[in-house]
Amino acid sequence: EMEAEVNAVLEPYPPEEVLAKGFNLDIRRADLSTLSERQWLNDTIINFYMSMLMERSLKDGYPRIYVFNTFFFTKLCQSGHAGLKRWTRRIDLFSYDMVLIPIHMEMHWFLAVIDFRQPCIAIYDSLGAAKVDSSCIDLLKSYLEEESLHKRSRGIDWDCWKLVVVEDLPLQDNFNDCGMF
């Protein structure tokens, strides 16, 4: 019975039907179909889920997280910190426990996590460490440095930070679903 309900929601028609609203996003039937096996995730699904995580983090007992949307890293690559100043105009990233950054590179999604509690930038990639090059971490370091100088009038002591591509995590067995299944 539950499986029939799930399958009904994942039916492809009508693709533009709005099934959920929240976080200034509309989840359409076509968006949900990207959660099916062997499908490619889209920005809307990832942004909605990340917004849910950020909202949940407001509850007692959870680390406070800030989540950038899926367009952040692309904009960072194109424009650097200067092109993103307005994104954090009213936000102090350094007041959060963690910052999550979904990254889309070469038709693949992975996640960068900036943890201010135990200073670390960690990359989680279901294709494994070989897929991510150090330029990703370098770009995030540069962004954080500029943000710190802009907001706190001081740089970051990178000697205290760990910069890692996490290796001990489940790996996907295909090139389709970014490790969802």
N, C-alpha and C. Protein backbone atom coordinates (compact mmCIF):
# COMPACT_ATOMS: atom_id res chain seq x y z
N GLU A 1 0.83 -1.20 0.00
CA GLU A 1 0.00 0.00 0.00
C GLU A 1 0.87 1.26 0.00
N MET A 2 1.87 1.31 0.89
CA MET A 2 2.77 2.45 0.95
C MET A 2 3.56 2.56 -0.35
N GLU A 3 4.00 1.42 -0.87
CA GLU A 3 4.77 1.41 -2.12
C GLU A 3 3.92 1.95 -3.27
N ALA A 4 2.65 1.63 -3.28
CA ALA A 4 1.75 2.12 -4.33
C ALA A 4 1.63 3.64 -4.25
N GLU A 5 1.55 4.18 -3.03
CA GLU A 5 1.48 5.64 -2.87
C GLU A 5 2.75 6.31 -3.36
N VAL A 6 3.90 5.74 -3.01
CA VAL A 6 5.18 6.30 -3.46
C VAL A 6 5.26 6.25 -4.97
N ASN A 7 4.91 5.12 -5.56
CA ASN A 7 4.94 4.99 -7.02
C ASN A 7 4.01 5.98 -7.70
N ALA A 8 2.86 6.25 -7.09
CA ALA A 8 1.91 7.21 -7.67
C ALA A 8 2.52 8.61 -7.70
N VAL A 9 3.23 8.97 -6.65
CA VAL A 9 3.87 10.29 -6.60
C VAL A 9 4.99 10.37 -7.62
N LEU A 10 5.70 9.27 -7.83
CA LEU A 10 6.82 9.27 -8.76
C LEU A 10 6.41 9.11 -10.22
N GLU A 11 5.13 8.90 -10.47
CA GLU A 11 4.67 8.84 -11.87
C GLU A 11 5.05 10.14 -12.56
N PRO A 12 5.47 10.07 -13.80
CA PRO A 12 6.00 11.27 -14.46
C PRO A 12 4.96 12.30 -14.90
N TYR A 13 3.66 11.98 -14.86
CA TYR A 13 2.67 12.92 -15.39
C TYR A 13 1.66 13.33 -14.34
N PRO A 14 1.23 14.56 -14.31
CA PRO A 14 1.75 15.70 -15.08
C PRO A 14 3.04 16.23 -14.45
N PRO A 15 4.09 16.41 -15.21
CA PRO A 15 5.41 16.74 -14.67
C PRO A 15 5.47 18.08 -13.93
N GLU A 16 4.62 19.03 -14.28
CA GLU A 16 4.68 20.36 -13.66
C GLU A 16 3.79 20.49 -12.43
N GLU A 17 3.08 19.43 -12.07
CA GLU A 17 2.21 19.49 -10.90
C GLU A 17 3.05 19.72 -9.64
N VAL A 18 2.67 20.72 -8.85
CA VAL A 18 3.38 21.04 -7.61
C VAL A 18 2.88 20.10 -6.51
N LEU A 19 3.81 19.35 -5.92
CA LEU A 19 3.46 18.39 -4.88
C LEU A 19 3.83 18.86 -3.48
N ALA A 20 4.76 19.80 -3.40
CA ALA A 20 5.16 20.33 -2.09
C ALA A 20 5.69 21.75 -2.29
N LYS A 21 5.50 22.56 -1.25
CA LYS A 21 6.02 23.94 -1.27
C LYS A 21 6.73 24.18 0.05
N GLY A 22 7.79 24.96 -0.02
CA GLY A 22 8.50 25.34 1.18
C GLY A 22 9.83 25.97 0.83
N PHE A 23 10.31 26.83 1.72
CA PHE A 23 11.63 27.45 1.54
C PHE A 23 11.73 28.22 0.22
N ASN A 24 10.60 28.82 -0.19
CA ASN A 24 10.53 29.55 -1.47
C ASN A 24 10.81 28.65 -2.67
N LEU A 25 10.52 27.38 -2.52
CA LEU A 25 10.70 26.41 -3.61
C LEU A 25 9.41 25.64 -3.83
N ASP A 26 9.16 25.29 -5.06
CA ASP A 26 8.06 24.39 -5.41
C ASP A 26 8.68 23.07 -5.87
N ILE A 27 8.24 21.98 -5.24
CA ILE A 27 8.68 20.66 -5.67
C ILE A 27 7.61 20.12 -6.61
N ARG A 28 8.01 19.94 -7.84
CA ARG A 28 7.09 19.44 -8.86
C ARG A 28 7.29 17.93 -9.02
N ARG A 29 6.32 17.31 -9.64
CA ARG A 29 6.38 15.86 -9.87
C ARG A 29 7.68 15.50 -10.61
N ALA A 30 8.08 16.31 -11.58
CA ALA A 30 9.31 16.04 -12.33
C ALA A 30 10.54 16.10 -11.42
N ASP A 31 10.50 16.98 -10.40
CA ASP A 31 11.62 17.05 -9.45
C ASP A 31 11.70 15.77 -8.64
N LEU A 32 10.56 15.32 -8.14
CA LEU A 32 10.56 14.09 -7.33
C LEU A 32 11.01 12.89 -8.13
N SER A 33 10.74 12.89 -9.42
CA SER A 33 11.15 11.73 -10.22
C SER A 33 12.67 11.60 -10.27
N THR A 34 13.41 12.68 -9.95
CA THR A 34 14.87 12.58 -9.93
C THR A 34 15.36 11.75 -8.75
N LEU A 35 14.45 11.43 -7.82
CA LEU A 35 14.81 10.57 -6.69
C LEU A 35 14.69 9.09 -7.02
N SER A 36 14.18 8.78 -8.18
CA SER A 36 14.09 7.38 -8.60
C SER A 36 15.48 6.84 -8.91
N GLU A 37 15.61 5.54 -8.78
CA GLU A 37 16.89 4.90 -9.05
C GLU A 37 17.38 5.20 -10.46
N ARG A 38 18.67 5.45 -10.58
CA ARG A 38 19.36 5.71 -11.85
C ARG A 38 18.99 7.06 -12.48
N GLN A 39 18.40 7.96 -11.69
CA GLN A 39 18.09 9.31 -12.19
C GLN A 39 19.10 10.30 -11.62
N TRP A 40 19.25 11.42 -12.27
CA TRP A 40 20.18 12.46 -11.82
C TRP A 40 19.44 13.47 -10.95
N LEU A 41 19.99 13.73 -9.78
CA LEU A 41 19.39 14.71 -8.87
C LEU A 41 19.41 16.10 -9.50
N ASN A 42 18.42 16.93 -9.14
CA ASN A 42 18.43 18.29 -9.64
C ASN A 42 18.59 19.30 -8.50
N ASP A 43 18.82 20.55 -8.87
CA ASP A 43 19.03 21.62 -7.91
C ASP A 43 17.87 21.77 -6.93
N THR A 44 16.66 21.68 -7.44
CA THR A 44 15.49 21.92 -6.60
C THR A 44 15.42 20.92 -5.46
N ILE A 45 15.62 19.65 -5.75
CA ILE A 45 15.58 18.61 -4.71
C ILE A 45 16.68 18.84 -3.68
N ILE A 46 17.88 19.12 -4.14
CA ILE A 46 19.00 19.32 -3.22
C ILE A 46 18.77 20.57 -2.38
N ASN A 47 18.35 21.66 -2.99
CA ASN A 47 18.11 22.90 -2.23
C ASN A 47 16.99 22.72 -1.20
N PHE A 48 15.94 21.99 -1.56
CA PHE A 48 14.84 21.75 -0.63
C PHE A 48 15.33 20.94 0.57
N TYR A 49 16.05 19.88 0.30
CA TYR A 49 16.56 19.03 1.38
C TYR A 49 17.53 19.80 2.28
N MET A 50 18.42 20.55 1.68
CA MET A 50 19.38 21.33 2.47
C MET A 50 18.66 22.36 3.33
N SER A 51 17.61 22.96 2.80
CA SER A 51 16.82 23.92 3.58
C SER A 51 16.13 23.23 4.75
N MET A 52 15.67 22.00 4.54
CA MET A 52 15.07 21.23 5.64
C MET A 52 16.11 20.99 6.74
N LEU A 53 17.33 20.65 6.34
CA LEU A 53 18.40 20.43 7.33
C LEU A 53 18.67 21.70 8.13
N MET A 54 18.73 22.84 7.43
CA MET A 54 19.01 24.09 8.10
C MET A 54 17.88 24.43 9.08
N GLU A 55 16.64 24.22 8.68
CA GLU A 55 15.51 24.48 9.56
C GLU A 55 15.57 23.58 10.79
N ARG A 56 15.89 22.31 10.59
CA ARG A 56 15.97 21.37 11.72
C ARG A 56 17.07 21.77 12.69
N SER A 57 18.12 22.38 12.17
CA SER A 57 19.25 22.74 13.03
C SER A 57 18.89 23.84 14.03
N LEU A 58 17.74 24.48 13.85
CA LEU A 58 17.31 25.52 14.78
C LEU A 58 16.78 24.94 16.08
N LYS A 59 16.52 23.64 16.10
CA LYS A 59 16.00 22.99 17.30
C LYS A 59 17.12 22.74 18.29
N ASP A 60 16.76 22.71 19.57
CA ASP A 60 17.74 22.45 20.62
C ASP A 60 18.43 21.11 20.41
N GLY A 61 19.71 21.08 20.69
CA GLY A 61 20.46 19.84 20.62
C GLY A 61 21.10 19.56 19.28
N TYR A 62 20.77 20.33 18.27
CA TYR A 62 21.37 20.13 16.95
C TYR A 62 22.42 21.20 16.70
N PRO A 63 23.48 20.84 15.99
CA PRO A 63 24.45 21.87 15.60
C PRO A 63 23.77 22.90 14.70
N ARG A 64 24.11 24.16 14.88
CA ARG A 64 23.56 25.22 14.02
C ARG A 64 24.28 25.16 12.68
N ILE A 65 23.51 24.98 11.63
CA ILE A 65 24.14 24.92 10.31
C ILE A 65 23.58 26.00 9.39
N TYR A 66 24.44 26.44 8.52
CA TYR A 66 24.03 27.33 7.44
C TYR A 66 24.28 26.57 6.14
N VAL A 67 23.36 26.70 5.21
CA VAL A 67 23.46 25.97 3.95
C VAL A 67 23.45 26.97 2.80
N PHE A 68 24.45 26.87 1.96
CA PHE A 68 24.43 27.63 0.71
C PHE A 68 23.66 26.83 -0.31
N ASN A 69 23.02 27.52 -1.24
CA ASN A 69 22.28 26.79 -2.26
C ASN A 69 23.24 26.24 -3.32
N THR A 70 22.68 25.49 -4.23
CA THR A 70 23.48 24.77 -5.22
C THR A 70 24.18 25.67 -6.22
N PHE A 71 23.83 26.95 -6.24
CA PHE A 71 24.45 27.87 -7.19
C PHE A 71 25.66 28.58 -6.60
N PHE A 72 25.87 28.43 -5.30
CA PHE A 72 26.95 29.15 -4.61
C PHE A 72 28.32 28.83 -5.19
N PHE A 73 28.66 27.56 -5.29
CA PHE A 73 30.01 27.19 -5.70
C PHE A 73 30.29 27.60 -7.14
N THR A 74 29.30 27.48 -8.01
CA THR A 74 29.47 27.92 -9.39
C THR A 74 29.75 29.42 -9.43
N LYS A 75 29.00 30.17 -8.64
CA LYS A 75 29.20 31.63 -8.58
C LYS A 75 30.58 31.94 -7.98
N LEU A 76 31.00 31.18 -6.99
CA LEU A 76 32.32 31.38 -6.40
C LEU A 76 33.41 31.16 -7.45
N CYS A 77 33.27 30.12 -8.25
CA CYS A 77 34.25 29.85 -9.31
C CYS A 77 34.28 30.98 -10.33
N GLN A 78 33.13 31.54 -10.63
CA GLN A 78 33.03 32.59 -11.65
C GLN A 78 33.48 33.95 -11.15
N SER A 79 33.10 34.32 -9.92
CA SER A 79 33.27 35.70 -9.45
C SER A 79 34.09 35.87 -8.19
N GLY A 80 34.44 34.77 -7.53
CA GLY A 80 35.16 34.88 -6.27
C GLY A 80 34.30 35.49 -5.18
N HIS A 81 34.93 35.85 -4.09
CA HIS A 81 34.22 36.41 -2.94
C HIS A 81 33.45 37.67 -3.30
N ALA A 82 34.03 38.51 -4.15
CA ALA A 82 33.39 39.78 -4.51
C ALA A 82 32.00 39.56 -5.10
N GLY A 83 31.82 38.51 -5.86
CA GLY A 83 30.53 38.23 -6.47
C GLY A 83 29.51 37.65 -5.52
N LEU A 84 29.93 37.33 -4.30
CA LEU A 84 29.04 36.68 -3.33
C LEU A 84 28.80 37.51 -2.08
N LYS A 85 29.33 38.71 -2.01
CA LYS A 85 29.21 39.51 -0.79
C LYS A 85 27.76 39.69 -0.35
N ARG A 86 26.88 39.92 -1.30
CA ARG A 86 25.48 40.15 -0.92
C ARG A 86 24.81 38.87 -0.40
N TRP A 87 25.37 37.70 -0.73
CA TRP A 87 24.79 36.44 -0.27
C TRP A 87 24.86 36.32 1.25
N THR A 88 25.89 36.92 1.83
CA THR A 88 26.06 36.82 3.29
C THR A 88 26.01 38.20 3.95
N ARG A 89 25.40 39.14 3.27
CA ARG A 89 25.33 40.52 3.79
C ARG A 89 24.75 40.55 5.20
N ARG A 90 23.71 39.78 5.45
CA ARG A 90 23.05 39.78 6.76
C ARG A 90 23.35 38.52 7.57
N ILE A 91 24.36 37.79 7.16
CA ILE A 91 24.67 36.50 7.81
C ILE A 91 26.12 36.49 8.26
N ASP A 92 26.33 36.05 9.49
CA ASP A 92 27.69 35.85 9.98
C ASP A 92 27.95 34.34 9.97
N LEU A 93 28.62 33.88 8.94
CA LEU A 93 28.90 32.44 8.82
C LEU A 93 29.62 31.90 10.04
N PHE A 94 30.45 32.73 10.66
CA PHE A 94 31.28 32.29 11.77
C PHE A 94 30.48 32.10 13.06
N SER A 95 29.21 32.48 13.05
CA SER A 95 28.35 32.26 14.22
C SER A 95 27.67 30.89 14.17
N TYR A 96 27.85 30.18 13.08
CA TYR A 96 27.27 28.84 12.92
C TYR A 96 28.28 27.78 13.31
N ASP A 97 27.79 26.58 13.62
CA ASP A 97 28.67 25.45 13.90
C ASP A 97 29.26 24.89 12.60
N MET A 98 28.40 24.85 11.58
CA MET A 98 28.82 24.25 10.31
C MET A 98 28.18 24.99 9.14
N VAL A 99 28.86 24.91 8.01
CA VAL A 99 28.32 25.43 6.76
C VAL A 99 28.37 24.28 5.75
N LEU A 100 27.25 24.03 5.09
CA LEU A 100 27.17 22.97 4.08
C LEU A 100 27.09 23.60 2.70
N ILE A 101 27.89 23.06 1.78
CA ILE A 101 27.94 23.59 0.42
C ILE A 101 27.81 22.44 -0.57
N PRO A 102 26.63 22.29 -1.19
CA PRO A 102 26.52 21.30 -2.26
C PRO A 102 27.27 21.80 -3.48
N ILE A 103 28.03 20.91 -4.10
CA ILE A 103 28.88 21.30 -5.24
C ILE A 103 28.58 20.39 -6.43
N HIS A 104 28.41 21.01 -7.58
CA HIS A 104 28.16 20.27 -8.81
C HIS A 104 29.34 20.50 -9.74
N MET A 105 30.08 19.43 -10.04
CA MET A 105 31.24 19.51 -10.93
C MET A 105 31.21 18.32 -11.87
N GLU A 106 31.42 18.58 -13.12
CA GLU A 106 31.51 17.51 -14.12
C GLU A 106 30.34 16.53 -14.01
N MET A 107 29.13 17.07 -13.95
CA MET A 107 27.91 16.27 -13.91
C MET A 107 27.80 15.40 -12.66
N HIS A 108 28.39 15.84 -11.56
CA HIS A 108 28.39 15.05 -10.33
C HIS A 108 28.23 15.97 -9.12
N TRP A 109 27.41 15.54 -8.16
CA TRP A 109 27.20 16.29 -6.92
C TRP A 109 28.07 15.71 -5.81
N PHE A 110 28.65 16.60 -5.01
CA PHE A 110 29.28 16.19 -3.76
C PHE A 110 29.09 17.31 -2.76
N LEU A 111 29.55 17.13 -1.54
CA LEU A 111 29.26 18.07 -0.46
C LEU A 111 30.54 18.52 0.22
N ALA A 112 30.65 19.83 0.42
CA ALA A 112 31.72 20.39 1.24
C ALA A 112 31.10 20.79 2.58
N VAL A 113 31.80 20.47 3.66
CA VAL A 113 31.34 20.82 5.00
C VAL A 113 32.44 21.62 5.68
N ILE A 114 32.08 22.83 6.09
CA ILE A 114 32.99 23.66 6.88
C ILE A 114 32.52 23.54 8.31
N ASP A 115 33.38 23.02 9.17
CA ASP A 115 33.04 22.80 10.57
C ASP A 115 33.87 23.75 11.42
N PHE A 116 33.21 24.73 12.03
CA PHE A 116 33.91 25.71 12.85
C PHE A 116 34.18 25.19 14.26
N ARG A 117 33.50 24.13 14.69
CA ARG A 117 33.69 23.59 16.04
C ARG A 117 35.05 22.93 16.18
N GLN A 118 35.40 22.12 15.21
CA GLN A 118 36.72 21.50 15.15
C GLN A 118 37.25 21.89 13.78
N PRO A 119 37.90 23.02 13.69
CA PRO A 119 38.15 23.66 12.39
C PRO A 119 38.59 22.70 11.29
N CYS A 120 37.70 22.56 10.31
CA CYS A 120 37.93 21.58 9.25
C CYS A 120 37.10 21.94 8.03
N ILE A 121 37.68 21.73 6.87
CA ILE A 121 36.92 21.72 5.62
C ILE A 121 37.00 20.29 5.12
N ALA A 122 35.84 19.64 5.02
CA ALA A 122 35.78 18.24 4.60
C ALA A 122 34.95 18.12 3.34
N ILE A 123 35.42 17.29 2.42
CA ILE A 123 34.70 17.01 1.19
C ILE A 123 34.17 15.58 1.27
N TYR A 124 32.88 15.43 1.03
CA TYR A 124 32.23 14.12 1.00
C TYR A 124 31.81 13.83 -0.44
N ASP A 125 32.42 12.81 -1.03
CA ASP A 125 32.17 12.49 -2.43
C ASP A 125 31.94 11.00 -2.58
N SER A 126 30.76 10.64 -3.05
CA SER A 126 30.41 9.23 -3.19
C SER A 126 31.14 8.52 -4.34
N LEU A 127 31.90 9.28 -5.15
CA LEU A 127 32.75 8.64 -6.16
C LEU A 127 34.16 8.40 -5.63
N GLY A 128 34.43 8.88 -4.44
CA GLY A 128 35.74 8.67 -3.84
C GLY A 128 36.66 9.86 -3.98
N ALA A 129 37.74 9.80 -3.26
CA ALA A 129 38.68 10.92 -3.17
C ALA A 129 39.31 11.29 -4.50
N ALA A 130 39.44 10.35 -5.39
CA ALA A 130 40.13 10.63 -6.65
C ALA A 130 39.38 11.63 -7.52
N LYS A 131 38.09 11.79 -7.30
CA LYS A 131 37.27 12.67 -8.14
C LYS A 131 37.47 14.15 -7.80
N VAL A 132 37.86 14.45 -6.57
CA VAL A 132 37.96 15.84 -6.11
C VAL A 132 39.41 16.28 -6.14
N ASP A 133 39.67 17.42 -6.75
CA ASP A 133 41.04 17.92 -6.71
C ASP A 133 41.16 19.02 -5.65
N SER A 134 42.37 19.38 -5.32
CA SER A 134 42.61 20.33 -4.22
C SER A 134 42.12 21.73 -4.54
N SER A 135 41.86 22.04 -5.80
CA SER A 135 41.41 23.40 -6.14
C SER A 135 40.08 23.73 -5.48
N CYS A 136 39.25 22.73 -5.24
CA CYS A 136 37.97 22.94 -4.58
C CYS A 136 38.19 23.44 -3.15
N ILE A 137 39.05 22.75 -2.41
CA ILE A 137 39.35 23.16 -1.04
C ILE A 137 40.05 24.50 -1.03
N ASP A 138 40.96 24.72 -1.96
CA ASP A 138 41.67 26.01 -2.03
C ASP A 138 40.71 27.16 -2.27
N LEU A 139 39.73 26.95 -3.12
CA LEU A 139 38.74 28.00 -3.40
C LEU A 139 37.89 28.30 -2.17
N LEU A 140 37.50 27.26 -1.44
CA LEU A 140 36.73 27.46 -0.22
C LEU A 140 37.56 28.16 0.86
N LYS A 141 38.82 27.79 0.96
CA LYS A 141 39.72 28.48 1.91
C LYS A 141 39.81 29.96 1.57
N SER A 142 40.01 30.25 0.32
CA SER A 142 40.12 31.64 -0.12
C SER A 142 38.84 32.41 0.19
N TYR A 143 37.69 31.79 -0.06
CA TYR A 143 36.41 32.43 0.24
C TYR A 143 36.29 32.73 1.73
N LEU A 144 36.59 31.72 2.57
CA LEU A 144 36.49 31.92 4.02
C LEU A 144 37.44 33.00 4.51
N GLU A 145 38.64 33.03 3.96
CA GLU A 145 39.62 34.05 4.34
C GLU A 145 39.07 35.44 4.04
N GLU A 146 38.55 35.62 2.83
CA GLU A 146 37.98 36.92 2.44
C GLU A 146 36.78 37.28 3.31
N GLU A 147 35.94 36.31 3.57
CA GLU A 147 34.75 36.55 4.40
C GLU A 147 35.16 36.94 5.82
N SER A 148 36.17 36.30 6.35
CA SER A 148 36.67 36.63 7.69
C SER A 148 37.26 38.04 7.72
N LEU A 149 38.03 38.37 6.73
CA LEU A 149 38.60 39.73 6.66
C LEU A 149 37.50 40.77 6.54
N HIS A 150 36.49 40.47 5.75
CA HIS A 150 35.39 41.40 5.53
C HIS A 150 34.51 41.56 6.78
N LYS A 151 34.19 40.44 7.44
CA LYS A 151 33.25 40.46 8.57
C LYS A 151 33.92 40.66 9.93
N ARG A 152 35.13 40.10 10.09
CA ARG A 152 35.77 40.12 11.42
C ARG A 152 37.06 40.92 11.44
N SER A 153 37.43 41.47 10.30
CA SER A 153 38.66 42.28 10.17
C SER A 153 39.91 41.51 10.58
N ARG A 154 39.88 40.21 10.38
CA ARG A 154 41.08 39.39 10.63
C ARG A 154 41.02 38.14 9.77
N GLY A 155 42.18 37.62 9.50
CA GLY A 155 42.27 36.40 8.70
C GLY A 155 42.01 35.17 9.54
N ILE A 156 42.25 34.03 8.94
CA ILE A 156 42.05 32.74 9.60
C ILE A 156 43.41 32.08 9.80
N ASP A 157 43.62 31.52 10.98
CA ASP A 157 44.86 30.78 11.26
C ASP A 157 44.70 29.36 10.70
N TRP A 158 45.14 29.16 9.47
CA TRP A 158 44.94 27.88 8.79
C TRP A 158 45.77 26.76 9.40
N ASP A 159 46.75 27.08 10.25
CA ASP A 159 47.53 26.04 10.92
C ASP A 159 46.66 25.20 11.85
N CYS A 160 45.54 25.76 12.30
CA CYS A 160 44.64 25.06 13.22
C CYS A 160 43.58 24.23 12.48
N TRP A 161 43.53 24.33 11.19
CA TRP A 161 42.48 23.70 10.40
C TRP A 161 42.95 22.39 9.76
N LYS A 162 41.99 21.46 9.64
CA LYS A 162 42.22 20.24 8.85
C LYS A 162 41.51 20.43 7.52
N LEU A 163 42.13 19.97 6.47
CA LEU A 163 41.55 20.02 5.13
C LEU A 163 41.56 18.60 4.60
N VAL A 164 40.37 18.00 4.48
CA VAL A 164 40.33 16.57 4.15
C VAL A 164 39.29 16.24 3.08
N VAL A 165 39.62 15.23 2.31
CA VAL A 165 38.63 14.57 1.46
C VAL A 165 38.33 13.26 2.19
N VAL A 166 37.12 13.15 2.71
CA VAL A 166 36.74 12.01 3.54
C VAL A 166 36.72 10.74 2.69
N GLU A 167 37.42 9.73 3.17
CA GLU A 167 37.54 8.49 2.40
C GLU A 167 36.70 7.36 2.95
N ASP A 168 36.36 7.41 4.22
CA ASP A 168 35.63 6.32 4.86
C ASP A 168 34.13 6.58 4.79
N LEU A 169 33.57 6.44 3.58
CA LEU A 169 32.14 6.61 3.40
C LEU A 169 31.67 5.70 2.27
N PRO A 170 30.38 5.39 2.25
CA PRO A 170 29.88 4.51 1.19
C PRO A 170 30.10 5.13 -0.19
N LEU A 171 30.47 4.29 -1.14
CA LEU A 171 30.70 4.76 -2.51
C LEU A 171 29.57 4.29 -3.41
N GLN A 172 29.22 5.12 -4.37
CA GLN A 172 28.17 4.72 -5.31
C GLN A 172 28.73 3.71 -6.31
N ASP A 173 27.84 2.87 -6.82
CA ASP A 173 28.27 1.82 -7.73
C ASP A 173 27.90 2.12 -9.18
N ASN A 174 27.59 3.39 -9.46
CA ASN A 174 27.23 3.79 -10.82
C ASN A 174 27.60 5.26 -11.01
N PHE A 175 27.34 5.78 -12.18
CA PHE A 175 27.62 7.19 -12.45
C PHE A 175 26.34 7.97 -12.68
N ASN A 176 25.22 7.46 -12.16
CA ASN A 176 23.93 8.08 -12.41
C ASN A 176 23.34 8.85 -11.25
N ASP A 177 23.34 8.27 -10.06
CA ASP A 177 22.50 8.82 -9.01
C ASP A 177 23.24 9.51 -7.87
N CYS A 178 24.49 9.83 -8.04
CA CYS A 178 25.28 10.57 -7.03
C CYS A 178 25.27 9.90 -5.67
N GLY A 179 25.10 8.58 -5.65
CA GLY A 179 25.19 7.85 -4.40
C GLY A 179 23.91 7.76 -3.61
N MET A 180 22.79 8.20 -4.19
CA MET A 180 21.51 8.14 -3.46
C MET A 180 21.12 6.71 -3.15
N PHE A 181 21.52 5.77 -4.00
CA PHE A 181 21.05 4.39 -3.83
C PHE A 181 22.17 3.45 -3.64
